[in-house]
């Protein structure tokens, strides 16, 4: 009976240590997107993946979203994804956008997203500590019209926000 109690106590302590280690080695990243659309325009962008580039000893890409989510871009930042990621320094965000639709005066027009793949430098980098949450804002400042097409410009910025 006593050995069962000791074994149970050891198992509980090990589980608590593992949970504490996971909490201290992971942070949370909230990724927002925004775009100040021109008056009379609404832009809907469908994202299919988001990854962060970690630098340092454990460098590499950390996937934080795989799926499909359509976000209406607006002046107010819209939450794209909230996910856990290993603590560390990050310098880039990589994402894919499968489609874009622009609503002009109640009419939906398919927009062109050149390549659909974006690798964006995070201005000033991002430091994610265990147990902390960082907010990352991806801004799409340019929607252009050329050759009869609406184009989502690849000149995108990413920055940590308060």
Protein backbone atom coordinates (compact mmCIF):
# COMPACT_ATOMS: atom_id res chain seq x y z
CA UNK A 1 0.00 0.00 0.00
CA UNK A 2 2.79 2.38 0.93
CA UNK A 3 4.75 1.76 -2.32
CA UNK A 4 1.57 2.52 -4.31
CA UNK A 5 1.25 5.87 -2.51
CA UNK A 6 4.90 6.74 -3.16
CA UNK A 7 4.57 5.79 -6.85
CA UNK A 8 1.42 7.90 -7.17
CA UNK A 9 3.11 10.87 -5.52
CA UNK A 10 6.15 10.57 -7.83
CA UNK A 11 3.85 10.41 -10.87
CA UNK A 12 1.99 13.56 -9.78
CA UNK A 13 5.27 15.42 -9.17
CA UNK A 14 6.65 14.38 -12.59
CA UNK A 15 3.44 15.49 -14.31
CA UNK A 16 3.58 18.86 -12.54
CA UNK A 17 7.24 19.36 -13.52
CA UNK A 18 6.47 18.45 -17.16
CA UNK A 19 3.53 20.87 -17.22
CA UNK A 20 5.63 23.66 -15.70
CA UNK A 21 8.44 23.01 -18.21
CA UNK A 22 5.96 23.13 -21.12
CA UNK A 23 4.47 26.39 -19.80
CA UNK A 24 7.91 28.00 -19.40
CA UNK A 25 9.14 26.80 -22.81
CA UNK A 26 6.06 27.96 -24.73
CA UNK A 27 4.57 31.37 -25.36
CA UNK A 28 1.45 32.48 -27.17
CA UNK A 29 1.37 34.44 -30.42
CA UNK A 30 -1.71 36.34 -31.56
CA UNK A 31 -1.41 37.20 -35.26
CA UNK A 32 -3.57 40.05 -36.52
CA UNK A 33 -4.06 41.40 -40.03
CA UNK A 34 -5.18 44.85 -41.13
CA UNK A 35 -5.51 46.99 -44.21
CA UNK A 36 -6.93 50.46 -44.47
CA UNK A 37 -9.13 49.80 -47.54
CA UNK A 38 -10.16 52.62 -49.81
CA UNK A 39 -13.68 53.95 -49.26
CA UNK A 40 -16.25 51.68 -50.88
CA UNK A 41 -13.96 48.61 -50.88
CA UNK A 42 -14.07 45.50 -48.73
CA UNK A 43 -11.22 42.99 -48.98
CA UNK A 44 -11.56 39.34 -47.99
CA UNK A 45 -8.34 37.30 -47.87
CA UNK A 46 -8.25 33.53 -47.35
CA UNK A 47 -5.18 32.30 -45.45
CA UNK A 48 -4.09 28.66 -45.56
CA UNK A 49 -0.91 28.61 -43.45
CA UNK A 50 1.16 30.77 -41.10
CA UNK A 51 4.68 30.03 -39.82
CA UNK A 52 7.26 31.98 -37.82
CA UNK A 53 11.02 31.84 -38.37
CA UNK A 54 12.91 31.21 -35.15
CA UNK A 55 16.54 32.34 -34.95
CA UNK A 56 19.36 31.19 -32.67
CA UNK A 57 20.29 27.70 -31.48
CA UNK A 58 16.99 26.12 -32.49
CA UNK A 59 16.46 28.05 -35.70
CA UNK A 60 13.86 27.01 -38.22
CA UNK A 61 10.25 27.48 -39.21
CA UNK A 62 7.50 26.93 -36.62
CA UNK A 63 4.06 26.31 -38.15
CA UNK A 64 1.32 27.95 -36.09
CA UNK A 65 -1.62 27.58 -38.49
CA UNK A 66 -2.60 25.15 -41.24
CA UNK A 67 -6.15 25.24 -42.48
CA UNK A 68 -8.32 27.79 -44.20
CA UNK A 69 -9.58 31.03 -42.72
CA UNK A 70 -11.06 34.02 -44.52
CA UNK A 71 -10.57 37.39 -42.88
CA UNK A 72 -12.19 40.69 -43.82
CA UNK A 73 -9.36 43.21 -43.84
CA UNK A 74 -10.14 46.53 -42.18
CA UNK A 75 -8.52 49.42 -40.35
CA UNK A 76 -9.14 47.61 -37.08
CA UNK A 77 -6.79 44.63 -36.70
CA UNK A 78 -8.59 41.30 -37.18
CA UNK A 79 -7.39 38.19 -35.34
CA UNK A 80 -6.09 35.61 -37.81
CA UNK A 81 -4.65 33.03 -35.41
CA UNK A 82 -3.78 32.58 -31.75
CA UNK A 83 -1.30 29.75 -31.17
CA UNK A 84 1.41 28.38 -28.90
CA UNK A 85 5.02 28.59 -30.09
CA UNK A 86 8.38 27.79 -28.51
CA UNK A 87 9.96 30.63 -26.55
CA UNK A 88 12.69 32.39 -28.52
CA UNK A 89 13.57 35.09 -31.02
CA UNK A 90 11.65 35.32 -34.29
CA UNK A 91 12.53 37.47 -37.31
CA UNK A 92 10.10 36.54 -40.11
CA UNK A 93 6.55 35.44 -40.71
CA UNK A 94 5.65 33.23 -43.67
CA UNK A 95 2.10 32.74 -44.83
CA UNK A 96 0.09 31.63 -47.80
CA UNK A 97 -3.06 33.24 -49.09
CA UNK A 98 -5.11 31.07 -51.42
CA UNK A 99 -7.55 33.71 -52.62
CA UNK A 100 -8.70 37.29 -52.32
CA UNK A 101 -12.02 38.88 -53.07
CA UNK A 102 -12.64 42.61 -53.26
CA UNK A 103 -16.17 43.89 -52.86
CA UNK A 104 -16.69 47.08 -54.86
CA UNK A 105 -20.09 48.72 -54.57
CA UNK A 106 -21.77 45.42 -53.66
CA UNK A 107 -20.07 43.46 -56.48
CA UNK A 108 -17.47 40.78 -55.65
CA UNK A 109 -14.36 40.77 -57.83
CA UNK A 110 -11.62 38.15 -57.57
CA UNK A 111 -8.30 39.83 -56.83
CA UNK A 112 -4.91 38.52 -57.88
CA UNK A 113 -2.51 37.55 -55.10
CA UNK A 114 0.91 37.31 -56.82
CA UNK A 115 2.33 33.86 -55.95
CA UNK A 116 0.09 33.62 -52.86
CA UNK A 117 3.22 33.08 -50.76
CA UNK A 118 4.55 35.80 -48.49
CA UNK A 119 7.75 35.88 -46.43
CA UNK A 120 7.79 39.08 -44.39
CA UNK A 121 10.49 40.45 -42.11
CA UNK A 122 9.23 41.30 -38.60
CA UNK A 123 10.33 44.89 -38.00
CA UNK A 124 12.55 44.84 -34.89
CA UNK A 125 12.03 41.08 -34.48
CA UNK A 126 9.86 39.40 -31.88
CA UNK A 127 10.98 37.97 -28.52
CA UNK A 128 8.60 35.34 -27.18
CA UNK A 129 9.15 34.34 -23.54
CA UNK A 130 7.73 31.26 -21.86
CA UNK A 131 4.28 31.99 -20.50
CA UNK A 132 4.03 35.34 -22.34
CA UNK A 133 1.81 36.49 -25.19
CA UNK A 134 3.00 38.64 -28.10
CA UNK A 135 0.79 40.31 -30.68
CA UNK A 136 2.02 40.45 -34.26
CA UNK A 137 0.33 42.72 -36.82
CA UNK A 138 0.59 42.01 -40.55
CA UNK A 139 -0.39 45.05 -42.63
CA UNK A 140 -1.41 45.00 -46.29
CA UNK A 141 -0.93 48.61 -47.31
CA UNK A 142 -1.47 48.37 -51.06
CA UNK A 143 -4.25 47.14 -53.26
CA UNK A 144 -3.64 48.22 -56.85
CA UNK A 145 -5.51 48.14 -60.11
CA UNK A 146 -3.48 47.31 -63.21
CA UNK A 147 -4.30 45.81 -66.60
CA UNK A 148 -7.95 45.34 -65.63
CA UNK A 149 -7.01 43.32 -62.53
CA UNK A 150 -7.13 44.09 -58.83
CA UNK A 151 -3.82 43.05 -57.28
CA UNK A 152 -2.98 42.53 -53.61
CA UNK A 153 0.52 44.01 -53.47
CA UNK A 154 3.31 41.95 -51.92
CA UNK A 155 4.66 45.02 -50.07
CA UNK A 156 3.52 43.86 -46.64
CA UNK A 157 4.83 44.73 -43.18
CA UNK A 158 4.86 42.81 -39.90
CA UNK A 159 5.49 44.27 -36.46
CA UNK A 160 4.97 43.47 -32.80
CA UNK A 161 2.23 45.66 -31.30
CA UNK A 162 1.37 46.46 -27.69
